[in-house]
């Protein structure tokens, strides 16, 4: 968890999730396994962060994951 917290913008998160997804896809080349589910989910996460970045939406951390939380952003 602390590794992902270092990436504080949508573009940085999209890049790291995209990289992890690519690693999963490349490992599937060797042999088809259940890792395809992880690759798909990571690719979906990367796509969502990329879309948010392109739309200009700011990154908001979740208190569940140890961030500042959405409630503090509203107040």
PDB file of N, CA and C in Angstrom:
ATOM      1  N   UNK A   1       0.806  -1.192   0.000  1.00  0.00           N
ATOM      2  CA  UNK A   1       0.000   0.000   0.000  1.00  0.00           C
ATOM      3  C   UNK A   1       0.856   1.265   0.000  1.00  0.00           C
ATOM      4  N   UNK A   2       1.911   1.307   0.770  1.00  0.00           N
ATOM      5  CA  UNK A   2       2.705   2.532   0.860  1.00  0.00           C
ATOM      6  C   UNK A   2       3.388   2.843  -0.474  1.00  0.00           C
ATOM      7  N   UNK A   3       3.640   1.833  -1.290  1.00  0.00           N
ATOM      8  CA  UNK A   3       4.253   2.061  -2.600  1.00  0.00           C
ATOM      9  C   UNK A   3       3.328   2.887  -3.479  1.00  0.00           C
ATOM     10  N   UNK A   4       2.063   2.536  -3.549  1.00  0.00           N
ATOM     11  CA  UNK A   4       1.100   3.228  -4.396  1.00  0.00           C
ATOM     12  C   UNK A   4       0.833   4.640  -3.893  1.00  0.00           C
ATOM     13  N   UNK A   5       0.919   4.872  -2.597  1.00  0.00           N
ATOM     14  CA  UNK A   5       0.657   6.213  -2.037  1.00  0.00           C
ATOM     15  C   UNK A   5       1.653   7.256  -2.523  1.00  0.00           C
ATOM     16  N   UNK A   6       2.793   6.831  -3.015  1.00  0.00           N
ATOM     17  CA  UNK A   6       3.796   7.777  -3.515  1.00  0.00           C
ATOM     18  C   UNK A   6       3.343   8.452  -4.800  1.00  0.00           C
ATOM     19  N   UNK A   7       2.418   7.862  -5.497  1.00  0.00           N
ATOM     20  CA  UNK A   7       1.959   8.384  -6.781  1.00  0.00           C
ATOM     21  C   UNK A   7       0.710   9.220  -6.545  1.00  0.00           C
ATOM     22  N   UNK A   8       0.867  10.545  -6.625  1.00  0.00           N
ATOM     23  CA  UNK A   8      -0.185  11.443  -6.150  1.00  0.00           C
ATOM     24  C   UNK A   8      -0.974  12.147  -7.240  1.00  0.00           C
ATOM     25  N   UNK A   9      -0.729  11.841  -8.502  1.00  0.00           N
ATOM     26  CA  UNK A   9      -1.538  12.437  -9.572  1.00  0.00           C
ATOM     27  C   UNK A   9      -2.181  11.322 -10.381  1.00  0.00           C
ATOM     28  N   UNK A  10      -3.209  11.690 -11.113  1.00  0.00           N
ATOM     29  CA  UNK A  10      -3.908  10.700 -11.937  1.00  0.00           C
ATOM     30  C   UNK A  10      -2.989  10.110 -12.999  1.00  0.00           C
ATOM     31  N   UNK A  11      -2.148  10.942 -13.600  1.00  0.00           N
ATOM     32  CA  UNK A  11      -1.254  10.447 -14.648  1.00  0.00           C
ATOM     33  C   UNK A  11      -0.202   9.481 -14.090  1.00  0.00           C
ATOM     34  N   UNK A  12       0.305   9.800 -12.911  1.00  0.00           N
ATOM     35  CA  UNK A  12       1.288   8.906 -12.294  1.00  0.00           C
ATOM     36  C   UNK A  12       0.648   7.574 -11.924  1.00  0.00           C
ATOM     37  N   UNK A  13      -0.572   7.624 -11.409  1.00  0.00           N
ATOM     38  CA  UNK A  13      -1.271   6.380 -11.073  1.00  0.00           C
ATOM     39  C   UNK A  13      -1.578   5.582 -12.337  1.00  0.00           C
ATOM     40  N   UNK A  14      -2.002   6.260 -13.394  1.00  0.00           N
ATOM     41  CA  UNK A  14      -2.279   5.566 -14.656  1.00  0.00           C
ATOM     42  C   UNK A  14      -1.025   4.869 -15.167  1.00  0.00           C
ATOM     43  N   UNK A  15       0.115   5.549 -15.056  1.00  0.00           N
ATOM     44  CA  UNK A  15       1.370   4.968 -15.537  1.00  0.00           C
ATOM     45  C   UNK A  15       1.761   3.735 -14.732  1.00  0.00           C
ATOM     46  N   UNK A  16       1.646   3.799 -13.409  1.00  0.00           N
ATOM     47  CA  UNK A  16       2.079   2.652 -12.597  1.00  0.00           C
ATOM     48  C   UNK A  16       1.135   1.471 -12.777  1.00  0.00           C
ATOM     49  N   UNK A  17      -0.178   1.739 -12.813  1.00  0.00           N
ATOM     50  CA  UNK A  17      -1.126   0.643 -13.032  1.00  0.00           C
ATOM     51  C   UNK A  17      -0.981   0.073 -14.438  1.00  0.00           C
ATOM     52  N   UNK A  18      -0.712   0.925 -15.420  1.00  0.00           N
ATOM     53  CA  UNK A  18      -0.479   0.450 -16.782  1.00  0.00           C
ATOM     54  C   UNK A  18       0.755  -0.429 -16.871  1.00  0.00           C
ATOM     55  N   UNK A  19       1.805  -0.034 -16.164  1.00  0.00           N
ATOM     56  CA  UNK A  19       3.041  -0.832 -16.141  1.00  0.00           C
ATOM     57  C   UNK A  19       2.810  -2.186 -15.483  1.00  0.00           C
ATOM     58  N   UNK A  20       2.097  -2.176 -14.358  1.00  0.00           N
ATOM     59  CA  UNK A  20       1.810  -3.456 -13.693  1.00  0.00           C
ATOM     60  C   UNK A  20       0.941  -4.349 -14.569  1.00  0.00           C
ATOM     61  N   UNK A  21      -0.009  -3.732 -15.283  1.00  0.00           N
ATOM     62  CA  UNK A  21      -0.855  -4.506 -16.191  1.00  0.00           C
ATOM     63  C   UNK A  21      -0.021  -5.113 -17.322  1.00  0.00           C
ATOM     64  N   UNK A  22       0.889  -4.319 -17.864  1.00  0.00           N
ATOM     65  CA  UNK A  22       1.757  -4.815 -18.942  1.00  0.00           C
ATOM     66  C   UNK A  22       2.578  -6.011 -18.477  1.00  0.00           C
ATOM     67  N   UNK A  23       3.096  -5.939 -17.272  1.00  0.00           N
ATOM     68  CA  UNK A  23       3.863  -7.061 -16.722  1.00  0.00           C
ATOM     69  C   UNK A  23       2.996  -8.313 -16.639  1.00  0.00           C
ATOM     70  N   UNK A  24       1.743  -8.137 -16.206  1.00  0.00           N
ATOM     71  CA  UNK A  24       0.831  -9.286 -16.130  1.00  0.00           C
ATOM     72  C   UNK A  24       0.553  -9.847 -17.520  1.00  0.00           C
ATOM     73  N   UNK A  25       0.291  -8.973 -18.495  1.00  0.00           N
ATOM     74  CA  UNK A  25       0.023  -9.439 -19.860  1.00  0.00           C
ATOM     75  C   UNK A  25       1.223 -10.199 -20.423  1.00  0.00           C
ATOM     76  N   UNK A  26       2.431  -9.681 -20.150  1.00  0.00           N
ATOM     77  CA  UNK A  26       3.628 -10.366 -20.648  1.00  0.00           C
ATOM     78  C   UNK A  26       3.816 -11.723 -19.990  1.00  0.00           C
ATOM     79  N   UNK A  27       3.433 -11.851 -18.719  1.00  0.00           N
ATOM     80  CA  UNK A  27       3.562 -13.148 -18.054  1.00  0.00           C
ATOM     81  C   UNK A  27       2.551 -14.157 -18.596  1.00  0.00           C
ATOM     82  N   UNK A  28       1.451 -13.665 -19.135  1.00  0.00           N
ATOM     83  CA  UNK A  28       0.440 -14.556 -19.711  1.00  0.00           C
ATOM     84  C   UNK A  28       0.929 -15.172 -21.017  1.00  0.00           C
ATOM     85  N   UNK A  29       1.883 -14.508 -21.676  1.00  0.00           N
ATOM     86  CA  UNK A  29       2.423 -15.034 -22.934  1.00  0.00           C
ATOM     87  C   UNK A  29       3.043 -16.412 -22.704  1.00  0.00           C
ATOM     88  N   UNK A  30       3.703 -16.580 -21.567  1.00  0.00           N
ATOM     89  CA  UNK A  30       4.363 -17.851 -21.245  1.00  0.00           C
ATOM     90  C   UNK A  30       3.332 -18.967 -21.130  1.00  0.00           C
ATOM     91  N   UNK A  31       2.241 -18.675 -20.474  1.00  0.00           N
ATOM     92  CA  UNK A  31       1.178 -19.663 -20.313  1.00  0.00           C
ATOM     93  C   UNK A  31      -0.070 -18.996 -19.764  1.00  0.00           C
ATOM     94  N   UNK A  32      -1.204 -19.388 -20.282  1.00  0.00           N
ATOM     95  CA  UNK A  32      -2.451 -18.781 -19.829  1.00  0.00           C
ATOM     96  C   UNK A  32      -2.789 -19.264 -18.425  1.00  0.00           C
ATOM     97  N   UNK A  33      -2.935 -18.292 -17.538  1.00  0.00           N
ATOM     98  CA  UNK A  33      -3.289 -18.601 -16.154  1.00  0.00           C
ATOM     99  C   UNK A  33      -4.368 -17.626 -15.695  1.00  0.00           C
ATOM    100  N   UNK A  34      -4.698 -17.708 -14.436  1.00  0.00           N
ATOM    101  CA  UNK A  34      -5.698 -16.808 -13.881  1.00  0.00           C
ATOM    102  C   UNK A  34      -5.165 -15.385 -13.729  1.00  0.00           C
ATOM    103  N   UNK A  35      -3.905 -15.159 -14.053  1.00  0.00           N
ATOM    104  CA  UNK A  35      -3.340 -13.810 -14.001  1.00  0.00           C
ATOM    105  C   UNK A  35      -4.009 -12.873 -14.998  1.00  0.00           C
ATOM    106  N   UNK A  36      -4.745 -13.432 -15.937  1.00  0.00           N
ATOM    107  CA  UNK A  36      -5.461 -12.589 -16.891  1.00  0.00           C
ATOM    108  C   UNK A  36      -6.478 -11.702 -16.172  1.00  0.00           C
ATOM    109  N   UNK A  37      -7.049 -12.186 -15.078  1.00  0.00           N
ATOM    110  CA  UNK A  37      -8.003 -11.374 -14.313  1.00  0.00           C
ATOM    111  C   UNK A  37      -7.290 -10.167 -13.704  1.00  0.00           C
ATOM    112  N   UNK A  38      -6.112 -10.373 -13.155  1.00  0.00           N
ATOM    113  CA  UNK A  38      -5.335  -9.265 -12.593  1.00  0.00           C
ATOM    114  C   UNK A  38      -4.946  -8.271 -13.679  1.00  0.00           C
ATOM    115  N   UNK A  39      -4.559  -8.778 -14.833  1.00  0.00           N
ATOM    116  CA  UNK A  39      -4.171  -7.901 -15.941  1.00  0.00           C
ATOM    117  C   UNK A  39      -5.337  -7.034 -16.390  1.00  0.00           C
ATOM    118  N   UNK A  40      -6.509  -7.613 -16.470  1.00  0.00           N
ATOM    119  CA  UNK A  40      -7.700  -6.865 -16.902  1.00  0.00           C
ATOM    120  C   UNK A  40      -8.067  -5.797 -15.874  1.00  0.00           C
ATOM    121  N   UNK A  41      -8.064  -6.151 -14.591  1.00  0.00           N
ATOM    122  CA  UNK A  41      -8.418  -5.191 -13.537  1.00  0.00           C
ATOM    123  C   UNK A  41      -7.403  -4.051 -13.479  1.00  0.00           C
ATOM    124  N   UNK A  42      -6.118  -4.365 -13.579  1.00  0.00           N
ATOM    125  CA  UNK A  42      -5.097  -3.318 -13.568  1.00  0.00           C
ATOM    126  C   UNK A  42      -5.217  -2.414 -14.792  1.00  0.00           C
ATOM    127  N   UNK A  43      -5.544  -2.977 -15.933  1.00  0.00           N
ATOM    128  CA  UNK A  43      -5.737  -2.182 -17.141  1.00  0.00           C
ATOM    129  C   UNK A  43      -6.953  -1.273 -16.992  1.00  0.00           C
ATOM    130  N   UNK A  44      -8.010  -1.775 -16.382  1.00  0.00           N
ATOM    131  CA  UNK A  44      -9.200  -0.963 -16.132  1.00  0.00           C
ATOM    132  C   UNK A  44      -8.871   0.201 -15.187  1.00  0.00           C
ATOM    133  N   UNK A  45      -8.123  -0.078 -14.132  1.00  0.00           N
ATOM    134  CA  UNK A  45      -7.728   0.974 -13.195  1.00  0.00           C
ATOM    135  C   UNK A  45      -6.879   2.032 -13.896  1.00  0.00           C
ATOM    136  N   UNK A  46      -5.925   1.604 -14.713  1.00  0.00           N
ATOM    137  CA  UNK A  46      -5.082   2.538 -15.446  1.00  0.00           C
ATOM    138  C   UNK A  46      -5.919   3.404 -16.383  1.00  0.00           C
ATOM    139  N   UNK A  47      -6.889   2.784 -17.040  1.00  0.00           N
ATOM    140  CA  UNK A  47      -7.750   3.524 -17.964  1.00  0.00           C
ATOM    141  C   UNK A  47      -8.579   4.568 -17.235  1.00  0.00           C
ATOM    142  N   UNK A  48      -9.114   4.212 -16.082  1.00  0.00           N
ATOM    143  CA  UNK A  48      -9.925   5.156 -15.299  1.00  0.00           C
ATOM    144  C   UNK A  48      -9.091   6.341 -14.830  1.00  0.00           C
ATOM    145  N   UNK A  49      -7.882   6.091 -14.344  1.00  0.00           N
ATOM    146  CA  UNK A  49      -7.010   7.184 -13.915  1.00  0.00           C
ATOM    147  C   UNK A  49      -6.598   8.058 -15.094  1.00  0.00           C
ATOM    148  N   UNK A  50      -6.355   7.450 -16.250  1.00  0.00           N
ATOM    149  CA  UNK A  50      -5.990   8.218 -17.429  1.00  0.00           C
ATOM    150  C   UNK A  50      -7.146   9.101 -17.880  1.00  0.00           C
ATOM    151  N   UNK A  51      -8.351   8.560 -17.905  1.00  0.00           N
ATOM    152  CA  UNK A  51      -9.529   9.341 -18.288  1.00  0.00           C
ATOM    153  C   UNK A  51      -9.736  10.503 -17.321  1.00  0.00           C
ATOM    154  N   UNK A  52      -9.580  10.241 -16.029  1.00  0.00           N
ATOM    155  CA  UNK A  52      -9.727  11.303 -15.025  1.00  0.00           C
ATOM    156  C   UNK A  52      -8.687  12.399 -15.253  1.00  0.00           C
ATOM    157  N   UNK A  53      -7.472  12.000 -15.583  1.00  0.00           N
ATOM    158  CA  UNK A  53      -6.427  12.982 -15.857  1.00  0.00           C
ATOM    159  C   UNK A  53      -6.735  13.812 -17.088  1.00  0.00           C
ATOM    160  N   UNK A  54      -7.222  13.173 -18.135  1.00  0.00           N
ATOM    161  CA  UNK A  54      -7.557  13.883 -19.368  1.00  0.00           C
ATOM    162  C   UNK A  54      -8.734  14.837 -19.169  1.00  0.00           C
ATOM    163  N   UNK A  55      -9.652  14.472 -18.298  1.00  0.00           N
ATOM    164  CA  UNK A  55     -10.804  15.330 -18.014  1.00  0.00           C
ATOM    165  C   UNK A  55     -10.454  16.453 -17.051  1.00  0.00           C
ATOM    166  N   UNK A  56      -9.249  16.430 -16.504  1.00  0.00           N
ATOM    167  CA  UNK A  56      -8.807  17.474 -15.598  1.00  0.00           C
ATOM    168  C   UNK A  56      -9.302  17.316 -14.172  1.00  0.00           C
ATOM    169  N   UNK A  57      -9.760  16.139 -13.821  1.00  0.00           N
ATOM    170  CA  UNK A  57     -10.225  15.903 -12.463  1.00  0.00           C
ATOM    171  C   UNK A  57      -9.022  15.749 -11.536  1.00  0.00           C
ATOM    172  N   UNK A  58      -9.094  16.381 -10.396  1.00  0.00           N
ATOM    173  CA  UNK A  58      -8.001  16.301  -9.436  1.00  0.00           C
ATOM    174  C   UNK A  58      -8.008  14.968  -8.712  1.00  0.00           C
ATOM    175  N   UNK A  59      -6.836  14.536  -8.285  1.00  0.00           N
ATOM    176  CA  UNK A  59      -6.729  13.284  -7.542  1.00  0.00           C
ATOM    177  C   UNK A  59      -7.181  13.520  -6.106  1.00  0.00           C
ATOM    178  N   UNK A  60      -8.058  12.661  -5.604  1.00  0.00           N
ATOM    179  CA  UNK A  60      -8.539  12.751  -4.230  1.00  0.00           C
ATOM    180  C   UNK A  60      -8.263  11.424  -3.555  1.00  0.00           C
ATOM    181  N   UNK A  61      -7.472  11.457  -2.498  1.00  0.00           N
ATOM    182  CA  UNK A  61      -7.158  10.240  -1.752  1.00  0.00           C
ATOM    183  C   UNK A  61      -8.345   9.797  -0.918  1.00  0.00           C
ATOM    184  N   UNK A  62      -8.362   8.548  -0.580  1.00  0.00           N
ATOM    185  CA  UNK A  62      -9.433   7.975   0.227  1.00  0.00           C
ATOM    186  C   UNK A  62      -8.938   7.769   1.652  1.00  0.00           C
ATOM    187  N   UNK A  63      -9.745   8.120   2.615  1.00  0.00           N
ATOM    188  CA  UNK A  63      -9.364   7.916   4.008  1.00  0.00           C
ATOM    189  C   UNK A  63      -9.234   6.417   4.301  1.00  0.00           C
ATOM    190  N   UNK A  64      -9.956   5.590   3.559  1.00  0.00           N
ATOM    191  CA  UNK A  64      -9.882   4.143   3.720  1.00  0.00           C
ATOM    192  C   UNK A  64      -8.462   3.643   3.464  1.00  0.00           C
ATOM    193  N   UNK A  65      -7.789   4.274   2.521  1.00  0.00           N
ATOM    194  CA  UNK A  65      -6.436   3.863   2.146  1.00  0.00           C
ATOM    195  C   UNK A  65      -5.368   4.696   2.850  1.00  0.00           C
ATOM    196  N   UNK A  66      -5.774   5.503   3.829  1.00  0.00           N
ATOM    197  CA  UNK A  66      -4.805   6.275   4.597  1.00  0.00           C
ATOM    198  C   UNK A  66      -4.565   7.675   4.073  1.00  0.00           C
ATOM    199  N   UNK A  67      -5.401   8.138   3.141  1.00  0.00           N
ATOM    200  CA  UNK A  67      -5.242   9.496   2.609  1.00  0.00           C
ATOM    201  C   UNK A  67      -5.991  10.513   3.450  1.00  0.00           C
ATOM    202  N   UNK A  68      -6.105  11.709   2.920  1.00  0.00           N
ATOM    203  CA  UNK A  68      -6.782  12.784   3.634  1.00  0.00           C
ATOM    204  C   UNK A  68      -8.278  12.566   3.717  1.00  0.00           C
ATOM    205  N   UNK A  69      -8.834  11.921   2.732  1.00  0.00           N
ATOM    206  CA  UNK A  69     -10.258  11.639   2.755  1.00  0.00           C
ATOM    207  C   UNK A  69     -11.066  12.674   1.990  1.00  0.00           C
ATOM    208  N   UNK A  70     -12.170  12.231   1.447  1.00  0.00           N
ATOM    209  CA  UNK A  70     -13.033  13.096   0.646  1.00  0.00           C
ATOM    210  C   UNK A  70     -13.773  14.082   1.551  1.00  0.00           C
ATOM    211  N   UNK A  71     -14.152  13.683   2.744  1.00  0.00           N
ATOM    212  CA  UNK A  71     -14.913  14.545   3.649  1.00  0.00           C
ATOM    213  C   UNK A  71     -14.143  15.816   3.974  1.00  0.00           C
ATOM    214  N   UNK A  72     -12.850  15.728   4.163  1.00  0.00           N
ATOM    215  CA  UNK A  72     -12.059  16.918   4.460  1.00  0.00           C
ATOM    216  C   UNK A  72     -11.930  17.824   3.255  1.00  0.00           C
ATOM    217  N   UNK A  73     -12.026  17.268   2.067  1.00  0.00           N
ATOM    218  CA  UNK A  73     -11.942  18.075   0.859  1.00  0.00           C
ATOM    219  C   UNK A  73     -13.199  18.904   0.661  1.00  0.00           C
ATOM    220  N   UNK A  74     -14.347  18.410   1.122  1.00  0.00           N
ATOM    221  CA  UNK A  74     -15.616  19.088   0.946  1.00  0.00           C
ATOM    222  C   UNK A  74     -15.732  20.269   1.901  1.00  0.00           C
ATOM    223  N   UNK A  75     -15.264  20.084   3.127  1.00  0.00           N
ATOM    224  CA  UNK A  75     -15.408  21.117   4.153  1.00  0.00           C
ATOM    225  C   UNK A  75     -14.535  22.290   3.919  1.00  0.00           C
TER     226      UNK A  75
END
